[in-house]
Amino acid sequence: MAEATREEVGKGSRMGLLRLKPPRIALVLLLIGTGLHFLSRNYVRWYFGCTVCGVALIVFGFLLMIWAWWLFRKRETAICHTAAATVLVDGGPFQFSRNPMYLGMTTMLAGCAWILGSSPALFAPAAFFSLMGAVFVPFEEQLMSEIFGQHYTEYRRRVRRWL
């Protein structure tokens, strides 16, 4: 069953987005959001920039993402969202979020938006969060349910998707 789910990724369906790596998606969205910020600078009057706050969010998001990544490495399980996991990692940041890597990337994008300080800059974190929640996370949850069954169902009941 998990094999069939992975095969679906290779097809030309809407799930073809899953062939893309989330960090690359985040980078592209960051570039688009930054471009929108600079293109609309003369038209947007609402400014909320705070460099210190933005840097703090970037550092926090990066540390969260690296902590989760390190736990995957330590437990020797697949990090790639399309690969079959061999272990259900439920310690560390996975105790309060089922998706701390995506949460970390979203937080870093929000930090960049806070540094830029304009509403168009919010495009990147909003689009990344939406894309992960609509495409990547449901795919991964289905795959994890197929691999880990009741153990994953109990984990889902215990831990929220984001926070």
N, C-alpha and C. Protein backbone atom coordinates (compact mmCIF):
# COMPACT_ATOMS: atom_id res chain seq x y z
N MET A 1 0.82 -1.20 0.00
CA MET A 1 0.00 0.00 0.00
C MET A 1 0.86 1.26 0.00
N ALA A 2 1.90 1.31 0.84
CA ALA A 2 2.78 2.46 0.87
C ALA A 2 3.51 2.61 -0.45
N GLU A 3 3.80 1.48 -1.10
CA GLU A 3 4.47 1.50 -2.41
C GLU A 3 3.57 2.18 -3.44
N ALA A 4 2.26 1.89 -3.40
CA ALA A 4 1.32 2.51 -4.33
C ALA A 4 1.25 4.01 -4.09
N THR A 5 1.31 4.43 -2.86
CA THR A 5 1.28 5.86 -2.53
C THR A 5 2.51 6.55 -3.09
N ARG A 6 3.68 5.93 -2.96
CA ARG A 6 4.90 6.52 -3.50
C ARG A 6 4.86 6.56 -5.02
N GLU A 7 4.25 5.57 -5.66
CA GLU A 7 4.16 5.56 -7.12
C GLU A 7 3.31 6.72 -7.62
N GLU A 8 2.31 7.09 -6.82
CA GLU A 8 1.43 8.20 -7.19
C GLU A 8 2.22 9.50 -7.33
N VAL A 9 3.29 9.64 -6.56
CA VAL A 9 4.13 10.84 -6.61
C VAL A 9 4.74 10.99 -8.00
N GLY A 10 5.16 9.89 -8.59
CA GLY A 10 5.82 9.94 -9.89
C GLY A 10 4.88 10.25 -11.04
N LYS A 11 3.58 10.07 -10.84
CA LYS A 11 2.61 10.32 -11.91
C LYS A 11 2.37 11.81 -12.07
N GLY A 12 1.70 12.18 -13.14
CA GLY A 12 1.44 13.58 -13.43
C GLY A 12 0.24 14.14 -12.72
N SER A 13 -0.21 13.54 -11.64
CA SER A 13 -1.37 14.03 -10.91
C SER A 13 -1.01 15.31 -10.15
N ARG A 14 -2.00 15.87 -9.45
CA ARG A 14 -1.73 17.07 -8.65
C ARG A 14 -0.70 16.78 -7.57
N MET A 15 -0.53 15.51 -7.25
CA MET A 15 0.45 15.11 -6.26
C MET A 15 1.87 15.21 -6.81
N GLY A 16 2.01 15.58 -8.08
CA GLY A 16 3.33 15.76 -8.66
C GLY A 16 4.15 16.82 -7.94
N LEU A 17 3.47 17.69 -7.20
CA LEU A 17 4.16 18.69 -6.38
C LEU A 17 5.08 18.02 -5.37
N LEU A 18 4.74 16.80 -4.99
CA LEU A 18 5.52 16.11 -3.97
C LEU A 18 6.93 15.77 -4.44
N ARG A 19 7.19 15.87 -5.73
CA ARG A 19 8.55 15.64 -6.22
C ARG A 19 9.48 16.78 -5.84
N LEU A 20 8.91 17.91 -5.49
CA LEU A 20 9.71 19.07 -5.09
C LEU A 20 10.10 18.96 -3.62
N LYS A 21 11.25 19.47 -3.28
CA LYS A 21 11.73 19.42 -1.90
C LYS A 21 11.26 20.69 -1.17
N PRO A 22 10.67 20.54 0.01
CA PRO A 22 10.16 21.70 0.76
C PRO A 22 11.17 22.83 0.97
N PRO A 23 12.46 22.57 1.26
CA PRO A 23 13.37 23.71 1.40
C PRO A 23 13.51 24.52 0.10
N ARG A 24 13.46 23.85 -1.03
CA ARG A 24 13.54 24.58 -2.30
C ARG A 24 12.27 25.37 -2.55
N ILE A 25 11.13 24.79 -2.18
CA ILE A 25 9.86 25.51 -2.29
C ILE A 25 9.92 26.76 -1.41
N ALA A 26 10.42 26.61 -0.19
CA ALA A 26 10.53 27.75 0.73
C ALA A 26 11.41 28.84 0.13
N LEU A 27 12.51 28.45 -0.49
CA LEU A 27 13.42 29.44 -1.08
C LEU A 27 12.74 30.18 -2.23
N VAL A 28 12.06 29.46 -3.10
CA VAL A 28 11.36 30.10 -4.23
C VAL A 28 10.29 31.05 -3.70
N LEU A 29 9.52 30.60 -2.72
CA LEU A 29 8.48 31.47 -2.15
C LEU A 29 9.09 32.69 -1.47
N LEU A 30 10.23 32.52 -0.81
CA LEU A 30 10.93 33.65 -0.19
C LEU A 30 11.34 34.67 -1.26
N LEU A 31 11.87 34.18 -2.37
CA LEU A 31 12.26 35.09 -3.45
C LEU A 31 11.05 35.82 -4.03
N ILE A 32 9.94 35.10 -4.18
CA ILE A 32 8.71 35.74 -4.69
C ILE A 32 8.21 36.78 -3.70
N GLY A 33 8.16 36.42 -2.41
CA GLY A 33 7.70 37.35 -1.38
C GLY A 33 8.58 38.59 -1.29
N THR A 34 9.89 38.38 -1.40
CA THR A 34 10.82 39.51 -1.37
C THR A 34 10.62 40.39 -2.60
N GLY A 35 10.44 39.76 -3.74
CA GLY A 35 10.16 40.52 -4.97
C GLY A 35 8.88 41.33 -4.84
N LEU A 36 7.84 40.72 -4.31
CA LEU A 36 6.58 41.44 -4.11
C LEU A 36 6.76 42.61 -3.15
N HIS A 37 7.57 42.41 -2.13
CA HIS A 37 7.85 43.49 -1.17
C HIS A 37 8.48 44.68 -1.88
N PHE A 38 9.52 44.42 -2.68
CA PHE A 38 10.22 45.53 -3.33
C PHE A 38 9.40 46.14 -4.48
N LEU A 39 8.60 45.34 -5.15
CA LEU A 39 7.75 45.88 -6.23
C LEU A 39 6.63 46.76 -5.69
N SER A 40 6.17 46.46 -4.48
CA SER A 40 5.02 47.20 -3.95
C SER A 40 5.40 48.20 -2.86
N ARG A 41 6.69 48.43 -2.69
CA ARG A 41 7.15 49.32 -1.61
C ARG A 41 6.52 50.70 -1.67
N ASN A 42 6.31 51.22 -2.83
CA ASN A 42 5.75 52.57 -2.96
C ASN A 42 4.24 52.60 -2.78
N TYR A 43 3.59 51.42 -2.78
CA TYR A 43 2.14 51.37 -2.72
C TYR A 43 1.61 50.89 -1.37
N VAL A 44 2.41 50.16 -0.64
CA VAL A 44 1.97 49.60 0.64
C VAL A 44 2.42 50.55 1.75
N ARG A 45 1.46 51.01 2.53
CA ARG A 45 1.78 51.96 3.60
C ARG A 45 1.91 51.28 4.96
N TRP A 46 1.46 50.06 5.09
CA TRP A 46 1.51 49.36 6.37
C TRP A 46 2.88 48.73 6.53
N TYR A 47 3.62 49.19 7.52
CA TYR A 47 4.97 48.69 7.75
C TYR A 47 5.08 48.18 9.18
N PHE A 48 5.56 46.96 9.35
CA PHE A 48 5.66 46.36 10.68
C PHE A 48 7.05 45.76 10.93
N GLY A 49 8.04 46.24 10.24
CA GLY A 49 9.37 45.66 10.30
C GLY A 49 10.02 45.72 11.68
N CYS A 50 10.73 44.65 12.01
CA CYS A 50 11.49 44.56 13.25
C CYS A 50 12.62 43.57 12.99
N THR A 51 13.81 44.08 12.75
CA THR A 51 14.94 43.23 12.40
C THR A 51 15.28 42.25 13.51
N VAL A 52 15.32 42.71 14.74
CA VAL A 52 15.67 41.84 15.87
C VAL A 52 14.64 40.72 16.01
N CYS A 53 13.35 41.07 15.90
CA CYS A 53 12.28 40.07 16.00
C CYS A 53 12.39 39.06 14.87
N GLY A 54 12.63 39.54 13.66
CA GLY A 54 12.75 38.66 12.51
C GLY A 54 13.93 37.71 12.62
N VAL A 55 15.07 38.23 13.06
CA VAL A 55 16.25 37.37 13.22
C VAL A 55 15.98 36.33 14.30
N ALA A 56 15.30 36.73 15.38
CA ALA A 56 14.97 35.77 16.44
C ALA A 56 14.09 34.64 15.91
N LEU A 57 13.11 34.98 15.08
CA LEU A 57 12.26 33.95 14.48
C LEU A 57 13.05 33.04 13.54
N ILE A 58 13.94 33.62 12.77
CA ILE A 58 14.75 32.83 11.84
C ILE A 58 15.62 31.84 12.63
N VAL A 59 16.27 32.32 13.67
CA VAL A 59 17.13 31.45 14.49
C VAL A 59 16.30 30.36 15.16
N PHE A 60 15.16 30.73 15.73
CA PHE A 60 14.30 29.75 16.39
C PHE A 60 13.82 28.69 15.39
N GLY A 61 13.36 29.14 14.23
CA GLY A 61 12.88 28.20 13.21
C GLY A 61 13.97 27.27 12.72
N PHE A 62 15.17 27.82 12.54
CA PHE A 62 16.30 27.00 12.08
C PHE A 62 16.67 25.95 13.13
N LEU A 63 16.74 26.36 14.39
CA LEU A 63 17.07 25.42 15.45
C LEU A 63 16.02 24.33 15.59
N LEU A 64 14.75 24.69 15.46
CA LEU A 64 13.67 23.71 15.51
C LEU A 64 13.81 22.70 14.38
N MET A 65 14.04 23.19 13.19
CA MET A 65 14.18 22.33 12.02
C MET A 65 15.39 21.41 12.16
N ILE A 66 16.52 21.95 12.59
CA ILE A 66 17.74 21.14 12.75
C ILE A 66 17.58 20.11 13.86
N TRP A 67 16.92 20.46 14.95
CA TRP A 67 16.67 19.51 16.03
C TRP A 67 15.86 18.31 15.51
N ALA A 68 14.80 18.59 14.77
CA ALA A 68 13.97 17.52 14.21
C ALA A 68 14.78 16.68 13.21
N TRP A 69 15.54 17.35 12.37
CA TRP A 69 16.37 16.65 11.38
C TRP A 69 17.39 15.74 12.09
N TRP A 70 18.00 16.25 13.15
CA TRP A 70 18.99 15.49 13.90
C TRP A 70 18.37 14.22 14.50
N LEU A 71 17.12 14.34 15.02
CA LEU A 71 16.45 13.17 15.58
C LEU A 71 16.19 12.11 14.50
N PHE A 72 15.85 12.53 13.31
CA PHE A 72 15.67 11.58 12.20
C PHE A 72 16.98 10.87 11.90
N ARG A 73 18.06 11.62 11.86
CA ARG A 73 19.39 11.04 11.61
C ARG A 73 19.79 10.08 12.72
N LYS A 74 19.55 10.50 13.95
CA LYS A 74 19.91 9.68 15.10
C LYS A 74 19.14 8.35 15.09
N ARG A 75 17.88 8.40 14.71
CA ARG A 75 17.05 7.19 14.67
C ARG A 75 17.19 6.43 13.35
N GLU A 76 18.01 6.96 12.44
CA GLU A 76 18.29 6.34 11.14
C GLU A 76 17.03 6.04 10.34
N THR A 77 16.19 7.04 10.22
CA THR A 77 14.98 6.91 9.41
C THR A 77 15.00 7.95 8.30
N ALA A 78 14.18 7.74 7.29
CA ALA A 78 14.16 8.60 6.11
C ALA A 78 13.71 10.02 6.46
N ILE A 79 14.40 10.98 5.90
CA ILE A 79 14.02 12.39 6.09
C ILE A 79 13.17 12.86 4.92
N CYS A 80 13.42 12.34 3.74
CA CYS A 80 12.68 12.71 2.54
C CYS A 80 11.20 12.36 2.71
N HIS A 81 10.34 13.29 2.36
CA HIS A 81 8.91 13.11 2.56
C HIS A 81 8.30 12.00 1.70
N THR A 82 8.97 11.59 0.64
CA THR A 82 8.42 10.53 -0.20
C THR A 82 9.00 9.16 0.12
N ALA A 83 10.00 9.11 1.00
CA ALA A 83 10.62 7.83 1.37
C ALA A 83 9.87 7.22 2.55
N ALA A 84 9.87 5.90 2.62
CA ALA A 84 9.20 5.20 3.71
C ALA A 84 10.02 5.30 4.99
N ALA A 85 9.38 5.78 6.04
CA ALA A 85 10.04 5.87 7.34
C ALA A 85 10.16 4.47 7.94
N THR A 86 11.21 4.25 8.69
CA THR A 86 11.41 2.97 9.36
C THR A 86 11.10 3.06 10.84
N VAL A 87 11.08 4.29 11.38
CA VAL A 87 10.83 4.51 12.79
C VAL A 87 9.91 5.73 12.92
N LEU A 88 8.96 5.65 13.85
CA LEU A 88 8.11 6.80 14.14
C LEU A 88 8.81 7.63 15.21
N VAL A 89 9.32 8.78 14.81
CA VAL A 89 10.02 9.66 15.75
C VAL A 89 8.96 10.49 16.47
N ASP A 90 8.89 10.33 17.80
CA ASP A 90 7.88 11.05 18.56
C ASP A 90 8.45 11.77 19.79
N GLY A 91 9.77 11.93 19.81
CA GLY A 91 10.41 12.65 20.91
C GLY A 91 10.82 14.04 20.49
N GLY A 92 11.42 14.77 21.40
CA GLY A 92 11.90 16.12 21.09
C GLY A 92 10.78 17.02 20.63
N PRO A 93 10.98 17.76 19.53
CA PRO A 93 9.94 18.67 19.06
C PRO A 93 8.71 17.94 18.53
N PHE A 94 8.84 16.65 18.25
CA PHE A 94 7.71 15.86 17.77
C PHE A 94 6.71 15.57 18.89
N GLN A 95 7.02 15.99 20.12
CA GLN A 95 6.08 15.85 21.22
C GLN A 95 5.02 16.94 21.20
N PHE A 96 5.32 18.06 20.54
CA PHE A 96 4.34 19.15 20.49
C PHE A 96 3.90 19.51 19.08
N SER A 97 4.55 18.96 18.07
CA SER A 97 4.17 19.20 16.68
C SER A 97 4.52 17.98 15.85
N ARG A 98 3.58 17.54 15.00
CA ARG A 98 3.88 16.41 14.14
C ARG A 98 4.74 16.83 12.96
N ASN A 99 4.90 18.13 12.75
CA ASN A 99 5.64 18.63 11.59
C ASN A 99 6.61 19.74 11.98
N PRO A 100 7.54 19.48 12.88
CA PRO A 100 8.43 20.56 13.32
C PRO A 100 9.37 21.06 12.22
N MET A 101 9.71 20.24 11.24
CA MET A 101 10.58 20.73 10.17
C MET A 101 9.84 21.75 9.31
N TYR A 102 8.61 21.45 8.94
CA TYR A 102 7.81 22.41 8.18
C TYR A 102 7.49 23.64 9.02
N LEU A 103 7.23 23.43 10.30
CA LEU A 103 6.96 24.54 11.20
C LEU A 103 8.19 25.44 11.31
N GLY A 104 9.38 24.83 11.38
CA GLY A 104 10.61 25.60 11.43
C GLY A 104 10.82 26.42 10.17
N MET A 105 10.56 25.82 9.01
CA MET A 105 10.72 26.57 7.75
C MET A 105 9.70 27.70 7.66
N THR A 106 8.47 27.44 8.09
CA THR A 106 7.44 28.49 8.09
C THR A 106 7.85 29.63 9.02
N THR A 107 8.40 29.28 10.17
CA THR A 107 8.85 30.30 11.14
C THR A 107 9.99 31.12 10.56
N MET A 108 10.92 30.47 9.86
CA MET A 108 12.02 31.22 9.24
C MET A 108 11.49 32.17 8.17
N LEU A 109 10.52 31.72 7.38
CA LEU A 109 9.92 32.59 6.36
C LEU A 109 9.18 33.76 7.02
N ALA A 110 8.51 33.49 8.13
CA ALA A 110 7.82 34.56 8.87
C ALA A 110 8.84 35.56 9.41
N GLY A 111 10.00 35.07 9.84
CA GLY A 111 11.06 35.96 10.31
C GLY A 111 11.57 36.87 9.20
N CYS A 112 11.73 36.31 8.02
CA CYS A 112 12.15 37.13 6.86
C CYS A 112 11.10 38.18 6.55
N ALA A 113 9.82 37.79 6.61
CA ALA A 113 8.74 38.75 6.35
C ALA A 113 8.74 39.85 7.41
N TRP A 114 9.03 39.49 8.64
CA TRP A 114 9.04 40.49 9.72
C TRP A 114 10.20 41.46 9.52
N ILE A 115 11.32 40.98 9.03
CA ILE A 115 12.45 41.87 8.75
C ILE A 115 12.07 42.84 7.63
N LEU A 116 11.48 42.33 6.55
CA LEU A 116 11.07 43.19 5.44
C LEU A 116 9.95 44.13 5.88
N GLY A 117 9.00 43.61 6.66
CA GLY A 117 7.99 44.44 7.28
C GLY A 117 6.86 44.94 6.41
N SER A 118 6.49 44.21 5.37
CA SER A 118 5.35 44.64 4.57
C SER A 118 4.40 43.47 4.36
N SER A 119 3.14 43.78 4.11
CA SER A 119 2.16 42.71 3.91
C SER A 119 2.48 41.82 2.70
N PRO A 120 3.01 42.33 1.58
CA PRO A 120 3.37 41.43 0.49
C PRO A 120 4.45 40.40 0.88
N ALA A 121 5.30 40.76 1.83
CA ALA A 121 6.34 39.83 2.28
C ALA A 121 5.74 38.64 3.02
N LEU A 122 4.50 38.78 3.50
CA LEU A 122 3.82 37.69 4.19
C LEU A 122 3.37 36.59 3.23
N PHE A 123 3.50 36.85 1.92
CA PHE A 123 3.12 35.85 0.92
C PHE A 123 3.88 34.55 1.14
N ALA A 124 5.18 34.64 1.37
CA ALA A 124 6.01 33.43 1.47
C ALA A 124 5.59 32.51 2.62
N PRO A 125 5.52 33.00 3.87
CA PRO A 125 5.12 32.06 4.93
C PRO A 125 3.69 31.56 4.77
N ALA A 126 2.79 32.42 4.30
CA ALA A 126 1.40 31.99 4.12
C ALA A 126 1.28 30.93 3.02
N ALA A 127 1.97 31.14 1.91
CA ALA A 127 1.91 30.17 0.81
C ALA A 127 2.57 28.86 1.20
N PHE A 128 3.72 28.92 1.89
CA PHE A 128 4.41 27.70 2.30
C PHE A 128 3.54 26.91 3.28
N PHE A 129 3.00 27.58 4.28
CA PHE A 129 2.13 26.93 5.27
C PHE A 129 0.94 26.28 4.58
N SER A 130 0.32 26.99 3.66
CA SER A 130 -0.85 26.47 2.94
C SER A 130 -0.49 25.26 2.08
N LEU A 131 0.61 25.36 1.36
CA LEU A 131 1.03 24.26 0.48
C LEU A 131 1.39 23.02 1.28
N MET A 132 2.11 23.21 2.37
CA MET A 132 2.47 22.05 3.21
C MET A 132 1.21 21.42 3.79
N GLY A 133 0.29 22.25 4.27
CA GLY A 133 -0.94 21.74 4.89
C GLY A 133 -1.90 21.10 3.92
N ALA A 134 -1.89 21.54 2.67
CA ALA A 134 -2.84 21.01 1.69
C ALA A 134 -2.31 19.82 0.90
N VAL A 135 -1.00 19.76 0.67
CA VAL A 135 -0.44 18.72 -0.19
C VAL A 135 0.52 17.80 0.55
N PHE A 136 1.54 18.34 1.15
CA PHE A 136 2.61 17.52 1.72
C PHE A 136 2.18 16.76 2.98
N VAL A 137 1.62 17.47 3.95
CA VAL A 137 1.26 16.84 5.21
C VAL A 137 0.21 15.74 5.03
N PRO A 138 -0.88 15.96 4.28
CA PRO A 138 -1.84 14.86 4.10
C PRO A 138 -1.21 13.62 3.45
N PHE A 139 -0.33 13.84 2.49
CA PHE A 139 0.36 12.71 1.86
C PHE A 139 1.19 11.95 2.88
N GLU A 140 1.96 12.69 3.67
CA GLU A 140 2.82 12.06 4.67
C GLU A 140 2.00 11.35 5.74
N GLU A 141 0.89 11.95 6.15
CA GLU A 141 0.04 11.33 7.16
C GLU A 141 -0.56 10.02 6.66
N GLN A 142 -0.95 9.99 5.40
CA GLN A 142 -1.47 8.76 4.82
C GLN A 142 -0.39 7.68 4.79
N LEU A 143 0.79 8.08 4.37
CA LEU A 143 1.92 7.14 4.31
C LEU A 143 2.26 6.61 5.70
N MET A 144 2.30 7.50 6.69
CA MET A 144 2.63 7.09 8.05
C MET A 144 1.55 6.17 8.62
N SER A 145 0.29 6.43 8.30
CA SER A 145 -0.80 5.57 8.75
C SER A 145 -0.66 4.17 8.17
N GLU A 146 -0.28 4.11 6.90
CA GLU A 146 -0.11 2.81 6.25
C GLU A 146 1.08 2.04 6.84
N ILE A 147 2.12 2.75 7.19
CA ILE A 147 3.33 2.08 7.70
C ILE A 147 3.18 1.71 9.17
N PHE A 148 2.69 2.64 10.01
CA PHE A 148 2.71 2.44 11.45
C PHE A 148 1.35 2.13 12.07
N GLY A 149 0.28 2.22 11.30
CA GLY A 149 -1.05 1.82 11.75
C GLY A 149 -1.50 2.48 13.03
N GLN A 150 -1.91 1.65 14.00
CA GLN A 150 -2.48 2.12 15.26
C GLN A 150 -1.51 3.00 16.06
N HIS A 151 -0.23 2.69 15.98
CA HIS A 151 0.76 3.49 16.71
C HIS A 151 0.73 4.94 16.22
N TYR A 152 0.62 5.13 14.90
CA TYR A 152 0.56 6.48 14.35
C TYR A 152 -0.78 7.14 14.68
N THR A 153 -1.87 6.38 14.67
CA THR A 153 -3.18 6.92 15.02
C THR A 153 -3.18 7.46 16.44
N GLU A 154 -2.56 6.73 17.36
CA GLU A 154 -2.46 7.19 18.74
C GLU A 154 -1.59 8.45 18.82
N TYR A 155 -0.52 8.47 18.07
CA TYR A 155 0.36 9.64 18.04
C TYR A 155 -0.41 10.86 17.51
N ARG A 156 -1.20 10.67 16.47
CA ARG A 156 -2.00 11.77 15.90
C ARG A 156 -2.99 12.31 16.92
N ARG A 157 -3.57 11.43 17.71
CA ARG A 157 -4.51 11.86 18.74
C ARG A 157 -3.81 12.66 19.83
N ARG A 158 -2.57 12.33 20.11
CA ARG A 158 -1.82 12.92 21.21
C ARG A 158 -1.15 14.25 20.83
N VAL A 159 -0.72 14.38 19.57
CA VAL A 159 0.08 15.53 19.15
C VAL A 159 -0.63 16.26 17.99
N ARG A 160 -0.69 17.56 18.09
CA ARG A 160 -1.32 18.37 17.03
C ARG A 160 -0.46 18.39 15.77
N ARG A 161 -1.11 18.71 14.67
CA ARG A 161 -0.41 18.76 13.39
C ARG A 161 0.65 19.86 13.38
N TRP A 162 0.32 21.04 13.86
CA TRP A 162 1.27 22.16 13.83
C TRP A 162 1.72 22.53 15.23
N LEU A 163 0.82 23.00 16.06
CA LEU A 163 1.16 23.38 17.45
C LEU A 163 0.05 22.99 18.39
